[in-house]
Each structure stands twice: as C-alpha cells, then as structure tokens.
C-alpha atoms as a PDB file:
ATOM      1  CA  MET A   1      32.998   4.384  23.592  1.00  0.00           C
ATOM      2  CA  ARG A   2      30.636   6.541  21.707  1.00  0.00           C
ATOM      3  CA  THR A   3      27.326   5.377  20.215  1.00  0.00           C
ATOM      4  CA  GLU A   4      25.699   7.145  17.371  1.00  0.00           C
ATOM      5  CA  LEU A   5      22.044   7.403  16.685  1.00  0.00           C
ATOM      6  CA  VAL A   6      21.028   5.985  13.328  1.00  0.00           C
ATOM      7  CA  GLN A   7      18.558   8.154  11.488  1.00  0.00           C
ATOM      8  CA  PHE A   8      15.826   6.416   9.494  1.00  0.00           C
ATOM      9  CA  ARG A   9      14.265   9.581   8.217  1.00  0.00           C
ATOM     10  CA  LYS A  10      16.029  12.031   6.001  1.00  0.00           C
ATOM     11  CA  ASN A  11      14.843  14.953   8.001  1.00  0.00           C
ATOM     12  CA  PRO A  12      13.594  14.018  11.467  1.00  0.00           C
ATOM     13  CA  CYS A  13      12.032  17.419  11.905  1.00  0.00           C
ATOM     14  CA  ALA A  14       9.873  17.183   8.773  1.00  0.00           C
ATOM     15  CA  PRO A  15       6.268  15.929   9.140  1.00  0.00           C
ATOM     16  CA  LEU A  16       5.655  12.257   8.228  1.00  0.00           C
ATOM     17  CA  PHE A  17       3.324  13.027   5.309  1.00  0.00           C
ATOM     18  CA  LEU A  18       6.212  14.601   3.447  1.00  0.00           C
ATOM     19  CA  GLU A  19       8.133  11.299   3.452  1.00  0.00           C
ATOM     20  CA  LYS A  20       8.038   9.401   0.150  1.00  0.00           C
ATOM     21  CA  GLY A  21       7.539   5.610  -0.179  1.00  0.00           C
ATOM     22  CA  PHE A  22       5.326   2.902   1.299  1.00  0.00           C
ATOM     23  CA  THR A  23       5.386   1.179   4.636  1.00  0.00           C
ATOM     24  CA  LEU A  24       5.479  -2.582   4.900  1.00  0.00           C
ATOM     25  CA  VAL A  25       1.899  -2.659   6.210  1.00  0.00           C
ATOM     26  CA  GLU A  26       0.636  -0.709   3.196  1.00  0.00           C
ATOM     27  CA  VAL A  27       2.384  -3.094   0.829  1.00  0.00           C
ATOM     28  CA  MET A  28       0.992  -6.172   2.622  1.00  0.00           C
ATOM     29  CA  ILE A  29      -2.575  -4.798   2.550  1.00  0.00           C
ATOM     30  CA  SER A  30      -2.338  -3.985  -1.166  1.00  0.00           C
ATOM     31  CA  ILE A  31      -1.017  -7.507  -1.916  1.00  0.00           C
ATOM     32  CA  ALA A  32      -3.918  -9.052   0.046  1.00  0.00           C
ATOM     33  CA  ILE A  33      -6.490  -6.961  -1.858  1.00  0.00           C
ATOM     34  CA  PHE A  34      -4.855  -7.886  -5.163  1.00  0.00           C
ATOM     35  CA  ALA A  35      -4.881 -11.610  -4.242  1.00  0.00           C
ATOM     36  CA  ILE A  36      -8.607 -11.486  -3.388  1.00  0.00           C
ATOM     37  CA  GLY A  37      -9.293  -9.870  -6.772  1.00  0.00           C
ATOM     38  CA  ILE A  38      -7.281 -12.518  -8.626  1.00  0.00           C
ATOM     39  CA  LEU A  39      -9.155 -15.309  -6.800  1.00  0.00           C
ATOM     40  CA  ALA A  40     -12.493 -13.786  -7.794  1.00  0.00           C
ATOM     41  CA  VAL A  41     -11.437 -13.568 -11.454  1.00  0.00           C
ATOM     42  CA  SER A  42     -10.169 -17.162 -11.473  1.00  0.00           C
ATOM     43  CA  ALA A  43     -13.479 -18.384  -9.956  1.00  0.00           C
ATOM     44  CA  MET A  44     -15.327 -16.534 -12.718  1.00  0.00           C
ATOM     45  CA  GLN A  45     -13.124 -18.167 -15.360  1.00  0.00           C
ATOM     46  CA  TRP A  46     -13.752 -21.621 -13.856  1.00  0.00           C
ATOM     47  CA  ASP A  47     -17.527 -21.114 -13.990  1.00  0.00           C
ATOM     48  CA  ALA A  48     -17.312 -19.797 -17.533  1.00  0.00           C
ATOM     49  CA  SER A  49     -15.355 -22.842 -18.713  1.00  0.00           C
ATOM     50  CA  LYS A  50     -17.899 -25.210 -17.108  1.00  0.00           C
ATOM     51  CA  ASN A  51     -20.766 -23.325 -18.755  1.00  0.00           C
ATOM     52  CA  ASN A  52     -18.968 -23.405 -22.116  1.00  0.00           C
ATOM     53  CA  ARG A  53     -18.659 -27.193 -21.884  1.00  0.00           C
ATOM     54  CA  THR A  54     -22.347 -27.536 -21.018  1.00  0.00           C
ATOM     55  CA  ALA A  55     -23.286 -25.337 -23.966  1.00  0.00           C
ATOM     56  CA  ALA A  56     -21.017 -27.304 -26.303  1.00  0.00           C
ATOM     57  CA  LEU A  57     -22.605 -30.605 -25.219  1.00  0.00           C
ATOM     58  CA  ARG A  58     -26.115 -29.190 -25.685  1.00  0.00           C
ATOM     59  CA  THR A  59     -25.102 -28.036 -29.167  1.00  0.00           C
ATOM     60  CA  MET A  60     -23.776 -31.534 -29.960  1.00  0.00           C
ATOM     61  CA  ALA A  61     -27.013 -33.111 -28.689  1.00  0.00           C
ATOM     62  CA  THR A  62     -29.130 -30.706 -30.745  1.00  0.00           C
ATOM     63  CA  SER A  63     -27.031 -31.343 -33.846  1.00  0.00           C
ATOM     64  CA  LEU A  64     -27.267 -35.101 -33.350  1.00  0.00           C
ATOM     65  CA  ALA A  65     -31.054 -34.946 -32.862  1.00  0.00           C
ATOM     66  CA  SER A  66     -31.397 -32.735 -35.931  1.00  0.00           C
ATOM     67  CA  GLU A  67     -29.341 -35.188 -37.986  1.00  0.00           C
ATOM     68  CA  ILE A  68     -31.492 -38.100 -36.784  1.00  0.00           C
ATOM     69  CA  MET A  69     -34.724 -36.200 -37.435  1.00  0.00           C
ATOM     70  CA  GLU A  70     -33.588 -35.375 -40.983  1.00  0.00           C
ATOM     71  CA  GLU A  71     -32.811 -39.045 -41.568  1.00  0.00           C
ATOM     72  CA  ALA A  72     -36.198 -40.068 -40.151  1.00  0.00           C
ATOM     73  CA  LEU A  73     -38.028 -37.556 -42.341  1.00  0.00           C
ATOM     74  CA  GLY A  74     -36.220 -39.026 -45.349  1.00  0.00           C
ATOM     75  CA  LEU A  75     -37.772 -42.452 -44.738  1.00  0.00           C
ATOM     76  CA  ASP A  76     -40.973 -43.660 -46.346  1.00  0.00           C
ATOM     77  CA  TYR A  77     -44.071 -43.058 -44.237  1.00  0.00           C
ATOM     78  CA  ASP A  78     -44.524 -46.802 -43.616  1.00  0.00           C
ATOM     79  CA  GLN A  79     -40.962 -47.118 -42.249  1.00  0.00           C
ATOM     80  CA  ILE A  80     -41.626 -44.550 -39.489  1.00  0.00           C
ATOM     81  CA  VAL A  81     -42.896 -47.050 -36.927  1.00  0.00           C
ATOM     82  CA  ALA A  82     -41.415 -47.313 -33.432  1.00  0.00           C
ATOM     83  CA  GLY A  83     -39.289 -50.381 -32.797  1.00  0.00           C
ATOM     84  CA  ASP A  84     -36.091 -52.108 -33.786  1.00  0.00           C
ATOM     85  CA  ASP A  85     -36.528 -51.587 -37.539  1.00  0.00           C
ATOM     86  CA  PHE A  86     -37.011 -47.824 -37.173  1.00  0.00           C
ATOM     87  CA  ALA A  87     -33.880 -47.491 -35.009  1.00  0.00           C
ATOM     88  CA  SER A  88     -31.898 -49.796 -37.316  1.00  0.00           C
ATOM     89  CA  GLU A  89     -32.931 -47.821 -40.383  1.00  0.00           C
ATOM     90  CA  ILE A  90     -31.744 -44.570 -38.749  1.00  0.00           C
ATOM     91  CA  ASN A  91     -28.590 -46.163 -37.327  1.00  0.00           C
ATOM     92  CA  ASP A  92     -27.471 -47.281 -40.784  1.00  0.00           C
ATOM     93  CA  ARG A  93     -27.030 -43.598 -41.570  1.00  0.00           C
ATOM     94  CA  ILE A  94     -25.417 -42.296 -38.324  1.00  0.00           C
ATOM     95  CA  ASP A  95     -23.102 -45.211 -37.392  1.00  0.00           C
ATOM     96  CA  GLY A  96     -24.092 -45.935 -33.797  1.00  0.00           C
ATOM     97  CA  VAL A  97     -24.973 -49.047 -31.789  1.00  0.00           C
ATOM     98  CA  VAL A  98     -28.624 -50.164 -31.750  1.00  0.00           C
ATOM     99  CA  GLY A  99     -30.417 -51.748 -28.810  1.00  0.00           C
ATOM    100  CA  GLY A 100     -34.199 -51.946 -29.219  1.00  0.00           C
ATOM    101  CA  ASN A 101     -35.493 -48.465 -30.022  1.00  0.00           C
ATOM    102  CA  GLU A 102     -32.293 -46.853 -28.660  1.00  0.00           C
ATOM    103  CA  ILE A 103     -29.095 -45.874 -30.417  1.00  0.00           C
ATOM    104  CA  SER A 104     -25.770 -45.213 -28.661  1.00  0.00           C
ATOM    105  CA  VAL A 105     -23.450 -42.743 -30.377  1.00  0.00           C
ATOM    106  CA  GLU A 106     -20.089 -41.325 -29.316  1.00  0.00           C
ATOM    107  CA  ARG A 107     -19.400 -37.752 -30.393  1.00  0.00           C
ATOM    108  CA  GLY A 108     -16.619 -35.532 -29.128  1.00  0.00           C
ATOM    109  CA  GLY A 109     -15.618 -38.006 -26.426  1.00  0.00           C
ATOM    110  CA  VAL A 110     -19.138 -38.109 -24.960  1.00  0.00           C
ATOM    111  CA  ASP A 111     -21.576 -41.026 -25.146  1.00  0.00           C
ATOM    112  CA  PHE A 112     -25.065 -40.002 -26.231  1.00  0.00           C
ATOM    113  CA  GLU A 113     -28.087 -42.286 -25.881  1.00  0.00           C
ATOM    114  CA  ILE A 114     -30.893 -41.618 -28.384  1.00  0.00           C
ATOM    115  CA  GLU A 115     -34.363 -43.019 -27.848  1.00  0.00           C
ATOM    116  CA  LEU A 116     -36.632 -43.054 -30.916  1.00  0.00           C
ATOM    117  CA  ASN A 117     -40.411 -43.309 -30.777  1.00  0.00           C
ATOM    118  CA  SER A 118     -43.125 -42.920 -33.348  1.00  0.00           C
ATOM    119  CA  ASN A 119     -46.829 -42.640 -32.520  1.00  0.00           C
ATOM    120  CA  ASP A 120     -49.879 -42.319 -34.709  1.00  0.00           C
ATOM    121  CA  TYR A 121     -51.554 -38.929 -34.493  1.00  0.00           C
ATOM    122  CA  ASP A 122     -55.342 -39.022 -34.613  1.00  0.00           C
ATOM    123  CA  ASN A 123     -57.799 -36.210 -35.238  1.00  0.00           C
ATOM    124  CA  ALA A 124     -60.928 -35.635 -33.115  1.00  0.00           C
ATOM    125  CA  SER A 125     -62.901 -38.314 -34.967  1.00  0.00           C
ATOM    126  CA  GLY A 126     -60.206 -40.959 -34.305  1.00  0.00           C
ATOM    127  CA  GLU A 127     -58.854 -41.022 -37.839  1.00  0.00           C
ATOM    128  CA  THR A 128     -55.056 -41.283 -38.106  1.00  0.00           C
ATOM    129  CA  ILE A 129     -53.774 -38.234 -39.938  1.00  0.00           C
ATOM    130  CA  GLY A 130     -50.042 -38.702 -39.461  1.00  0.00           C
ATOM    131  CA  ARG A 131     -47.273 -39.741 -37.116  1.00  0.00           C
ATOM    132  CA  VAL A 132     -45.258 -37.938 -34.473  1.00  0.00           C
ATOM    133  CA  ILE A 133     -41.551 -38.748 -34.330  1.00  0.00           C
ATOM    134  CA  GLU A 134     -40.084 -38.261 -30.858  1.00  0.00           C
ATOM    135  CA  ILE A 135     -36.367 -38.179 -30.132  1.00  0.00           C
ATOM    136  CA  LYS A 136     -34.899 -38.114 -26.629  1.00  0.00           C
ATOM    137  CA  VAL A 137     -31.146 -37.514 -26.361  1.00  0.00           C
ATOM    138  CA  THR A 138     -29.443 -38.196 -23.009  1.00  0.00           C
ATOM    139  CA  TRP A 139     -25.831 -37.895 -21.890  1.00  0.00           C
ATOM    140  CA  ASN A 140     -23.896 -37.663 -18.640  1.00  0.00           C
ATOM    141  CA  ASP A 141     -22.117 -34.438 -17.771  1.00  0.00           C
ATOM    142  CA  ARG A 142     -21.996 -33.675 -14.038  1.00  0.00           C
ATOM    143  CA  GLY A 143     -25.279 -35.560 -13.779  1.00  0.00           C
ATOM    144  CA  ALA A 144     -27.766 -36.864 -16.297  1.00  0.00           C
ATOM    145  CA  GLN A 145     -28.786 -34.388 -19.008  1.00  0.00           C
ATOM    146  CA  GLU A 146     -31.540 -34.806 -21.577  1.00  0.00           C
ATOM    147  CA  MET A 147     -33.207 -33.015 -24.447  1.00  0.00           C
ATOM    148  CA  ARG A 148     -36.416 -33.963 -26.266  1.00  0.00           C
ATOM    149  CA  PHE A 149     -37.468 -33.223 -29.824  1.00  0.00           C
ATOM    150  CA  ALA A 150     -40.644 -34.015 -31.754  1.00  0.00           C
ATOM    151  CA  ASN A 151     -41.867 -33.574 -35.324  1.00  0.00           C
ATOM    152  CA  PHE A 152     -45.125 -34.296 -37.081  1.00  0.00           C
ATOM    153  CA  VAL A 153     -45.195 -36.244 -40.344  1.00  0.00           C
ATOM    154  CA  GLY A 154     -48.421 -36.038 -42.315  1.00  0.00           C
ATOM    155  CA  GLY A 155     -50.165 -39.168 -43.596  1.00  0.00           C
ATOM    156  CA  GLN A 156     -49.650 -40.602 -47.020  1.00  0.00           C
END
C-alpha cells in the first residue's frame, strides 16, 4: 500500500512570505482587536446617552423655573410674599400640586419639586427697596439634582 504526501503549499520550495492569505492566528488576533474597538465605542455611546438625558432634564428644569419666574414677575408687588398664597397664585398658571410653598409638577415623565421663596431686600439704612424671588427646582435622576434661580423685583 502506498501513501502519498499531501501538500498544503502550492510550491513547497518557495519562501513562506510569497504565500498569499491569512493564518488562523492572524484572523483571531484581528477579530479580538476589532471587538475591543467596538466595546470602546459602545461605552462611549452609553456615556453620551446618559449625558444627553442629564442635559435634557436640566433644560426642562431651567424652562420650568423660567416659566415660574415669568408668572411671578407678572403678579402685583403685594402678591409676591412667601407662603401658601404665593405658591397657589403661581400654581394656578402652571397646573401643578401645591403643598405649602412647594409645587410638584410632572414634565416629560419626571417629577419636579419647586420651592418658592420671597424675601424683602433692604438697603444699607434698613429700608426695604424690593423683594428677591428665589426658586429651587429639584428632581431625581441617578441621585438628587437641584438648580436655584433668583430675581430682584423693585419696590412699588
């Protein structure tokens, strides 16, 4: 019985660098490098989507505070006094739920808590020259978040 030698190379006498094609090891290494690159890109995309959500919520909070401040500035000077009446007066315009000097509002699937305060602003001689309206907006997104806004309203 005669056995024949199977040739894997076209020309066994030719140097290896003249052979065309890739070895299995080369293919496996290139797949591993490609997979690491894809994982890095997907991690970047995940972080970007989280940051986009945070930015969108901050924009909603800023818009809500701006809306409330505009409503507060539209009130008569005597109505800008901290307490239930001030929050109720503002809430009538933004459709939230009032509790004391706080208003709860749902926007975009997120619950925002707005705290309203108004303080007299005195000059150096102790004379009241206006009021400062303070708005604190809080919400929960991967931990408590808050933003504060203030505006001065001159006296009558």
